[in-house]
C-alpha atoms as a PDB file:
ATOM      1  CA  MET A   1      51.764   2.408 187.616  1.00  0.00           C
ATOM      2  CA  LYS A   2      51.162  -1.441 188.130  1.00  0.00           C
ATOM      3  CA  LYS A   3      47.989  -2.521 189.791  1.00  0.00           C
ATOM      4  CA  LYS A   4      49.704  -4.060 192.818  1.00  0.00           C
ATOM      5  CA  TYR A   5      51.248  -0.566 193.545  1.00  0.00           C
ATOM      6  CA  ILE A   6      47.793   1.097 193.306  1.00  0.00           C
ATOM      7  CA  PHE A   7      46.545  -1.668 195.654  1.00  0.00           C
ATOM      8  CA  ILE A   8      49.396  -0.916 198.088  1.00  0.00           C
ATOM      9  CA  VAL A   9      48.683   2.844 198.124  1.00  0.00           C
ATOM     10  CA  PHE A  10      45.055   2.185 198.678  1.00  0.00           C
ATOM     11  CA  LEU A  11      45.787  -0.002 201.701  1.00  0.00           C
ATOM     12  CA  LEU A  12      48.261   2.496 203.079  1.00  0.00           C
ATOM     13  CA  PHE A  13      45.800   5.362 203.049  1.00  0.00           C
ATOM     14  CA  PHE A  14      42.953   3.072 204.106  1.00  0.00           C
ATOM     15  CA  PHE A  15      44.639   2.131 207.291  1.00  0.00           C
ATOM     16  CA  THR A  16      46.209   5.558 208.007  1.00  0.00           C
ATOM     17  CA  GLY A  17      43.587   8.031 206.718  1.00  0.00           C
ATOM     18  CA  ILE A  18      40.260   6.345 206.499  1.00  0.00           C
ATOM     19  CA  LEU A  19      40.056   3.790 209.451  1.00  0.00           C
ATOM     20  CA  PRO A  20      41.162   6.336 212.344  1.00  0.00           C
ATOM     21  CA  PRO A  21      38.195   8.603 212.094  1.00  0.00           C
ATOM     22  CA  LEU A  22      35.917   5.656 212.748  1.00  0.00           C
ATOM     23  CA  PHE A  23      37.429   5.189 216.252  1.00  0.00           C
ATOM     24  CA  VAL A  24      37.133   9.002 217.258  1.00  0.00           C
ATOM     25  CA  SER A  25      34.907   9.371 220.255  1.00  0.00           C
ATOM     26  CA  GLY A  26      33.833  12.566 222.005  1.00  0.00           C
ATOM     27  CA  GLY A  27      34.582  16.155 221.173  1.00  0.00           C
ATOM     28  CA  ALA A  28      32.972  18.519 218.804  1.00  0.00           C
ATOM     29  CA  PRO A  29      34.510  19.746 215.596  1.00  0.00           C
ATOM     30  CA  PHE A  30      35.091  23.478 215.269  1.00  0.00           C
ATOM     31  CA  SER A  31      34.023  24.202 218.788  1.00  0.00           C
ATOM     32  CA  HIS A  32      36.759  26.861 218.962  1.00  0.00           C
ATOM     33  CA  VAL A  33      38.735  27.708 215.797  1.00  0.00           C
ATOM     34  CA  GLU A  34      41.543  30.174 216.055  1.00  0.00           C
ATOM     35  CA  SER A  35      44.274  31.314 213.789  1.00  0.00           C
ATOM     36  CA  SER A  36      46.741  28.999 215.500  1.00  0.00           C
ATOM     37  CA  LEU A  37      49.592  27.023 214.032  1.00  0.00           C
ATOM     38  CA  SER A  38      47.698  23.763 214.628  1.00  0.00           C
ATOM     39  CA  THR A  39      44.806  25.068 212.624  1.00  0.00           C
ATOM     40  CA  CYS A  40      47.021  26.163 209.724  1.00  0.00           C
ATOM     41  CA  ILE A  41      48.767  22.762 209.642  1.00  0.00           C
ATOM     42  CA  THR A  42      45.358  21.057 209.587  1.00  0.00           C
ATOM     43  CA  ILE A  43      44.077  23.189 206.738  1.00  0.00           C
ATOM     44  CA  PHE A  44      47.376  22.729 204.820  1.00  0.00           C
ATOM     45  CA  GLY A  45      47.264  18.895 205.466  1.00  0.00           C
ATOM     46  CA  GLN A  46      43.729  18.549 204.265  1.00  0.00           C
ATOM     47  CA  LEU A  47      44.282  20.588 201.053  1.00  0.00           C
ATOM     48  CA  SER A  48      47.520  18.937 200.260  1.00  0.00           C
ATOM     49  CA  GLY A  49      46.116  15.475 200.973  1.00  0.00           C
ATOM     50  CA  ALA A  50      43.008  16.145 198.862  1.00  0.00           C
ATOM     51  CA  LEU A  51      45.170  17.364 196.009  1.00  0.00           C
ATOM     52  CA  VAL A  52      47.660  14.363 196.076  1.00  0.00           C
ATOM     53  CA  LEU A  53      44.763  11.881 196.254  1.00  0.00           C
ATOM     54  CA  HIS A  54      42.807  13.651 193.394  1.00  0.00           C
ATOM     55  CA  CYS A  55      45.919  13.664 191.245  1.00  0.00           C
ATOM     56  CA  PHE A  56      46.525  10.008 192.048  1.00  0.00           C
ATOM     57  CA  CYS A  57      42.991   9.077 191.074  1.00  0.00           C
ATOM     58  CA  SER A  58      43.019  11.121 187.951  1.00  0.00           C
ATOM     59  CA  ARG A  59      46.322   9.750 186.786  1.00  0.00           C
ATOM     60  CA  PHE A  60      46.077   6.101 187.677  1.00  0.00           C
ATOM     61  CA  VAL A  61      42.559   5.063 188.602  1.00  0.00           C
ATOM     62  CA  LEU A  62      39.905   7.026 186.660  1.00  0.00           C
ATOM     63  CA  PRO A  63      39.400   6.164 182.962  1.00  0.00           C
ATOM     64  CA  ARG A  64      40.912   8.549 180.402  1.00  0.00           C
ATOM     65  CA  PRO A  65      39.799  10.540 178.560  1.00  0.00           C
ATOM     66  CA  ARG A  66      36.823  11.360 180.780  1.00  0.00           C
ATOM     67  CA  PRO A  67      33.722  12.559 179.133  1.00  0.00           C
ATOM     68  CA  ARG A  68      32.987  16.320 179.597  1.00  0.00           C
ATOM     69  CA  ARG A  69      29.627  17.339 180.819  1.00  0.00           C
ATOM     70  CA  HIS A  70      27.606  20.229 179.649  1.00  0.00           C
ATOM     71  CA  PHE A  71      27.427  23.077 182.003  1.00  0.00           C
ATOM     72  CA  PHE A  72      23.589  22.800 182.329  1.00  0.00           C
ATOM     73  CA  VAL A  73      24.059  19.252 183.295  1.00  0.00           C
ATOM     74  CA  LEU A  74      26.523  20.126 186.021  1.00  0.00           C
ATOM     75  CA  LEU A  75      24.370  22.977 187.296  1.00  0.00           C
ATOM     76  CA  SER A  76      21.157  20.989 187.302  1.00  0.00           C
ATOM     77  CA  CYS A  77      22.732  17.931 189.037  1.00  0.00           C
ATOM     78  CA  ALA A  78      24.457  20.130 191.636  1.00  0.00           C
ATOM     79  CA  THR A  79      21.120  22.044 192.251  1.00  0.00           C
ATOM     80  CA  VAL A  80      19.057  18.905 192.860  1.00  0.00           C
ATOM     81  CA  SER A  81      21.740  17.391 195.015  1.00  0.00           C
ATOM     82  CA  PHE A  82      21.952  20.513 197.219  1.00  0.00           C
ATOM     83  CA  GLY A  83      18.047  20.436 197.520  1.00  0.00           C
ATOM     84  CA  LEU A  84      18.107  16.823 198.498  1.00  0.00           C
ATOM     85  CA  LEU A  85      20.888  17.482 201.173  1.00  0.00           C
ATOM     86  CA  MET A  86      18.604  20.199 202.724  1.00  0.00           C
ATOM     87  CA  LEU A  87      15.660  17.814 202.705  1.00  0.00           C
ATOM     88  CA  ILE A  88      17.647  15.158 204.423  1.00  0.00           C
ATOM     89  CA  SER A  89      18.871  17.590 207.019  1.00  0.00           C
ATOM     90  CA  ALA A  90      15.299  18.954 207.643  1.00  0.00           C
ATOM     91  CA  ALA A  91      14.014  15.324 208.005  1.00  0.00           C
ATOM     92  CA  ILE A  92      16.657  14.420 210.391  1.00  0.00           C
ATOM     93  CA  GLU A  93      16.106  17.484 212.514  1.00  0.00           C
ATOM     94  CA  SER A  94      12.251  16.737 212.543  1.00  0.00           C
ATOM     95  CA  LEU A  95      13.063  13.319 213.940  1.00  0.00           C
ATOM     96  CA  CYS A  96      15.247  14.812 216.534  1.00  0.00           C
ATOM     97  CA  PHE A  97      12.399  17.187 217.420  1.00  0.00           C
ATOM     98  CA  PHE A  98       9.554  14.705 217.523  1.00  0.00           C
ATOM     99  CA  PHE A  99      11.556  11.717 219.052  1.00  0.00           C
ATOM    100  CA  PRO A 100      14.183  13.312 221.328  1.00  0.00           C
ATOM    101  CA  ARG A 101      14.535  10.159 223.357  1.00  0.00           C
ATOM    102  CA  PHE A 102      15.902   8.072 220.382  1.00  0.00           C
ATOM    103  CA  PHE A 103      17.511  10.811 218.291  1.00  0.00           C
ATOM    104  CA  VAL A 104      19.836  12.843 220.217  1.00  0.00           C
ATOM    105  CA  SER A 105      21.800  15.328 218.154  1.00  0.00           C
ATOM    106  CA  GLN A 106      25.104  16.731 219.258  1.00  0.00           C
ATOM    107  CA  HIS A 107      25.549  20.117 217.565  1.00  0.00           C
ATOM    108  CA  PHE A 108      28.919  21.892 217.999  1.00  0.00           C
ATOM    109  CA  VAL A 109      29.071  25.508 219.288  1.00  0.00           C
ATOM    110  CA  LEU A 110      30.833  28.136 217.323  1.00  0.00           C
ATOM    111  CA  ARG A 111      32.784  30.684 219.432  1.00  0.00           C
ATOM    112  CA  PRO A 112      34.012  33.402 217.029  1.00  0.00           C
ATOM    113  CA  SER A 113      36.526  35.656 218.631  1.00  0.00           C
ATOM    114  CA  GLY A 114      37.199  38.098 215.813  1.00  0.00           C
ATOM    115  CA  PHE A 115      37.673  38.291 212.076  1.00  0.00           C
ATOM    116  CA  LEU A 116      40.620  35.877 211.899  1.00  0.00           C
ATOM    117  CA  SER A 117      38.756  33.292 213.959  1.00  0.00           C
ATOM    118  CA  CYS A 118      35.664  33.504 211.540  1.00  0.00           C
ATOM    119  CA  PHE A 119      38.048  33.450 208.488  1.00  0.00           C
ATOM    120  CA  PHE A 120      39.758  30.326 209.631  1.00  0.00           C
ATOM    121  CA  PHE A 121      36.516  28.702 210.537  1.00  0.00           C
ATOM    122  CA  VAL A 122      35.169  29.195 206.951  1.00  0.00           C
ATOM    123  CA  LEU A 123      38.551  28.060 205.495  1.00  0.00           C
ATOM    124  CA  SER A 124      38.170  25.025 207.682  1.00  0.00           C
ATOM    125  CA  LEU A 125      34.745  24.309 206.337  1.00  0.00           C
ATOM    126  CA  ILE A 126      36.147  24.671 202.721  1.00  0.00           C
ATOM    127  CA  THR A 127      39.165  22.378 203.261  1.00  0.00           C
ATOM    128  CA  GLY A 128      37.096  19.885 205.296  1.00  0.00           C
ATOM    129  CA  ALA A 129      34.384  19.594 202.625  1.00  0.00           C
ATOM    130  CA  THR A 130      37.029  19.218 199.892  1.00  0.00           C
ATOM    131  CA  TYR A 131      39.010  16.638 201.793  1.00  0.00           C
ATOM    132  CA  GLU A 132      35.904  14.469 202.476  1.00  0.00           C
ATOM    133  CA  GLU A 133      34.689  14.714 198.857  1.00  0.00           C
ATOM    134  CA  VAL A 134      37.998  13.679 197.366  1.00  0.00           C
ATOM    135  CA  VAL A 135      38.434  10.820 200.038  1.00  0.00           C
ATOM    136  CA  TYR A 136      34.793   9.446 200.178  1.00  0.00           C
ATOM    137  CA  ARG A 137      33.430  10.198 196.868  1.00  0.00           C
ATOM    138  CA  GLU A 138      36.476   9.767 194.639  1.00  0.00           C
ATOM    139  CA  PHE A 139      39.488   7.953 196.034  1.00  0.00           C
ATOM    140  CA  LEU A 140      37.857   5.358 198.341  1.00  0.00           C
ATOM    141  CA  PRO A 141      35.109   4.075 196.043  1.00  0.00           C
ATOM    142  CA  GLU A 142      36.921   4.533 192.761  1.00  0.00           C
ATOM    143  CA  THR A 143      40.178   2.959 193.856  1.00  0.00           C
ATOM    144  CA  ALA A 144      38.410   0.137 195.642  1.00  0.00           C
ATOM    145  CA  LEU A 145      36.413  -0.612 192.469  1.00  0.00           C
ATOM    146  CA  PHE A 146      39.625  -0.532 190.486  1.00  0.00           C
ATOM    147  CA  CYS A 147      41.396  -2.935 192.752  1.00  0.00           C
ATOM    148  CA  ALA A 148      38.472  -5.339 193.204  1.00  0.00           C
ATOM    149  CA  LYS A 149      37.723  -5.544 189.512  1.00  0.00           C
ATOM    150  CA  ALA A 150      41.497  -6.072 188.793  1.00  0.00           C
ATOM    151  CA  MET A 151      41.449  -8.974 191.190  1.00  0.00           C
ATOM    152  CA  SER A 152      38.198 -10.459 189.963  1.00  0.00           C
ATOM    153  CA  PRO A 153      38.198 -10.204 186.170  1.00  0.00           C
ATOM    154  CA  ARG A 154      34.992 -12.093 185.841  1.00  0.00           C
ATOM    155  CA  GLN A 155      32.345  -9.779 184.271  1.00  0.00           C
ATOM    156  CA  TRP A 156      29.393 -11.385 186.033  1.00  0.00           C
ATOM    157  CA  LEU A 157      30.897 -10.422 189.308  1.00  0.00           C
ATOM    158  CA  HIS A 158      31.314  -6.772 188.617  1.00  0.00           C
ATOM    159  CA  SER A 159      27.644  -5.619 189.444  1.00  0.00           C
ATOM    160  CA  SER A 160      28.017  -7.399 192.842  1.00  0.00           C
ATOM    161  CA  VAL A 161      31.381  -5.781 193.362  1.00  0.00           C
ATOM    162  CA  ASP A 162      30.068  -2.266 192.537  1.00  0.00           C
ATOM    163  CA  LEU A 163      27.155  -2.604 194.916  1.00  0.00           C
ATOM    164  CA  CYS A 164      29.434  -3.846 197.806  1.00  0.00           C
ATOM    165  CA  VAL A 165      32.017  -1.050 197.298  1.00  0.00           C
ATOM    166  CA  GLU A 166      29.491   1.677 197.104  1.00  0.00           C
ATOM    167  CA  LEU A 167      27.711   0.495 200.191  1.00  0.00           C
ATOM    168  CA  CYS A 168      30.963   0.046 202.158  1.00  0.00           C
ATOM    169  CA  SER A 169      32.091   3.586 201.172  1.00  0.00           C
ATOM    170  CA  VAL A 170      28.834   5.039 202.295  1.00  0.00           C
ATOM    171  CA  LEU A 171      28.927   3.143 205.618  1.00  0.00           C
ATOM    172  CA  ILE A 172      32.453   4.162 206.306  1.00  0.00           C
ATOM    173  CA  PHE A 173      31.546   7.832 205.636  1.00  0.00           C
ATOM    174  CA  ALA A 174      28.560   7.595 207.815  1.00  0.00           C
ATOM    175  CA  PHE A 175      30.178   5.935 210.832  1.00  0.00           C
ATOM    176  CA  SER A 176      33.081   8.538 210.748  1.00  0.00           C
ATOM    177  CA  HIS A 177      30.418  10.847 212.097  1.00  0.00           C
ATOM    178  CA  ARG A 178      29.257   8.624 214.854  1.00  0.00           C
ATOM    179  CA  TYR A 179      30.960  10.728 217.486  1.00  0.00           C
ATOM    180  CA  LEU A 180      28.123  13.253 216.777  1.00  0.00           C
ATOM    181  CA  GLY A 181      25.333  10.835 217.493  1.00  0.00           C
ATOM    182  CA  LEU A 182      22.920   8.688 215.524  1.00  0.00           C
ATOM    183  CA  PRO A 183      21.277  11.499 213.620  1.00  0.00           C
ATOM    184  CA  ALA A 184      24.642  12.556 212.234  1.00  0.00           C
ATOM    185  CA  VAL A 185      25.329   8.999 211.100  1.00  0.00           C
ATOM    186  CA  ILE A 186      21.936   8.694 209.287  1.00  0.00           C
ATOM    187  CA  ASN A 187      22.404  12.133 207.865  1.00  0.00           C
ATOM    188  CA  ALA A 188      25.930  11.308 206.542  1.00  0.00           C
ATOM    189  CA  ALA A 189      24.785   8.016 205.142  1.00  0.00           C
ATOM    190  CA  LEU A 190      21.974   9.596 203.077  1.00  0.00           C
ATOM    191  CA  SER A 191      24.061  12.618 202.162  1.00  0.00           C
ATOM    192  CA  GLY A 192      26.962  10.320 201.133  1.00  0.00           C
ATOM    193  CA  ILE A 193      24.562   8.591 198.642  1.00  0.00           C
ATOM    194  CA  VAL A 194      23.473  11.833 197.186  1.00  0.00           C
ATOM    195  CA  LEU A 195      27.037  13.264 196.845  1.00  0.00           C
ATOM    196  CA  ARG A 196      28.283  10.099 195.308  1.00  0.00           C
ATOM    197  CA  ARG A 197      25.613  10.034 192.797  1.00  0.00           C
ATOM    198  CA  CYS A 198      26.432  13.702 192.094  1.00  0.00           C
ATOM    199  CA  PHE A 199      30.050  12.697 191.443  1.00  0.00           C
ATOM    200  CA  CYS A 200      29.078   9.851 189.066  1.00  0.00           C
ATOM    201  CA  LYS A 201      26.593  12.089 187.181  1.00  0.00           C
ATOM    202  CA  THR A 202      28.951  15.025 186.835  1.00  0.00           C
ATOM    203  CA  GLY A 203      32.245  13.289 186.539  1.00  0.00           C
ATOM    204  CA  THR A 204      33.903  15.861 188.654  1.00  0.00           C
ATOM    205  CA  VAL A 205      34.583  16.172 192.416  1.00  0.00           C
ATOM    206  CA  LEU A 206      34.405  20.065 192.263  1.00  0.00           C
ATOM    207  CA  SER A 207      30.562  20.175 192.131  1.00  0.00           C
ATOM    208  CA  GLY A 208      30.475  17.987 195.366  1.00  0.00           C
ATOM    209  CA  CYS A 209      32.984  20.109 197.181  1.00  0.00           C
ATOM    210  CA  ILE A 210      30.936  23.387 196.410  1.00  0.00           C
ATOM    211  CA  ILE A 211      27.761  21.552 197.400  1.00  0.00           C
ATOM    212  CA  HIS A 212      29.165  20.133 200.601  1.00  0.00           C
ATOM    213  CA  PHE A 213      30.681  23.447 201.705  1.00  0.00           C
ATOM    214  CA  LEU A 214      27.603  25.477 201.006  1.00  0.00           C
ATOM    215  CA  TYR A 215      25.597  22.849 202.938  1.00  0.00           C
ATOM    216  CA  ASN A 216      27.785  22.931 205.958  1.00  0.00           C
ATOM    217  CA  LEU A 217      27.968  26.816 205.932  1.00  0.00           C
ATOM    218  CA  LEU A 218      24.093  27.000 205.838  1.00  0.00           C
ATOM    219  CA  LEU A 219      23.891  24.532 208.780  1.00  0.00           C
ATOM    220  CA  VAL A 220      26.241  26.596 210.740  1.00  0.00           C
ATOM    221  CA  ILE A 221      24.256  29.766 209.975  1.00  0.00           C
ATOM    222  CA  PHE A 222      20.972  28.154 210.953  1.00  0.00           C
ATOM    223  CA  LEU A 223      22.574  26.917 214.169  1.00  0.00           C
ATOM    224  CA  LEU A 224      23.747  30.377 215.146  1.00  0.00           C
ATOM    225  CA  LEU A 225      20.413  31.926 214.316  1.00  0.00           C
ATOM    226  CA  SER A 226      18.626  29.322 216.463  1.00  0.00           C
ATOM    227  CA  LYS A 227      20.945  30.187 219.352  1.00  0.00           C
ATOM    228  CA  LEU A 228      20.464  33.884 218.989  1.00  0.00           C
ATOM    229  CA  SER A 229      16.665  33.704 218.730  1.00  0.00           C
ATOM    230  CA  PRO A 230      14.815  34.113 222.045  1.00  0.00           C
ATOM    231  CA  ALA A 231      13.609  31.078 223.859  1.00  0.00           C
END
């Protein structure tokens, strides 16, 4: 595929799939998940979108052949990344606890109404994590880097381009969580750096998808336990 077509695809998805979440205000995700048609459509849309974007990057953007990482490298990087995500979350929650006036966290409330509701909720966590990893850790930074370097072939500019693209990708991911409050934005920014680093180290988006899903699932479990515990 010619570089100009890759640039057109990038712009189309940037304005239709990446910019809109930045302007979402109010509401809480997964506040009431049911086995409805809209939920099924959302899950299917996220999975199909992630698959298309991943195939696009693998075919036209990412270098080939890609180096294969040893399983121990993948496991160690994933473990360290997951630990860092939990530390970041604990630090943010500590800030919310000690400085509630400045750090107001807006947690969603899960309202399970049976097995199907819980099943679709977990499935939504899986598809949401997969979609975000493919979009914000693979498609957005890698395609932006590809297009930027294609338009500025001077080697001495590439380091500045890399830094600018990586920073913009992290900020876009962070501010797509602004409807959840300042703590969520800070958490998303720091977590985005960790997950992007994991992608660069492992060379695969799969590890980030698994880490992201397990991280979200643990946060949900902790939130439920906190709500069930006596005051």
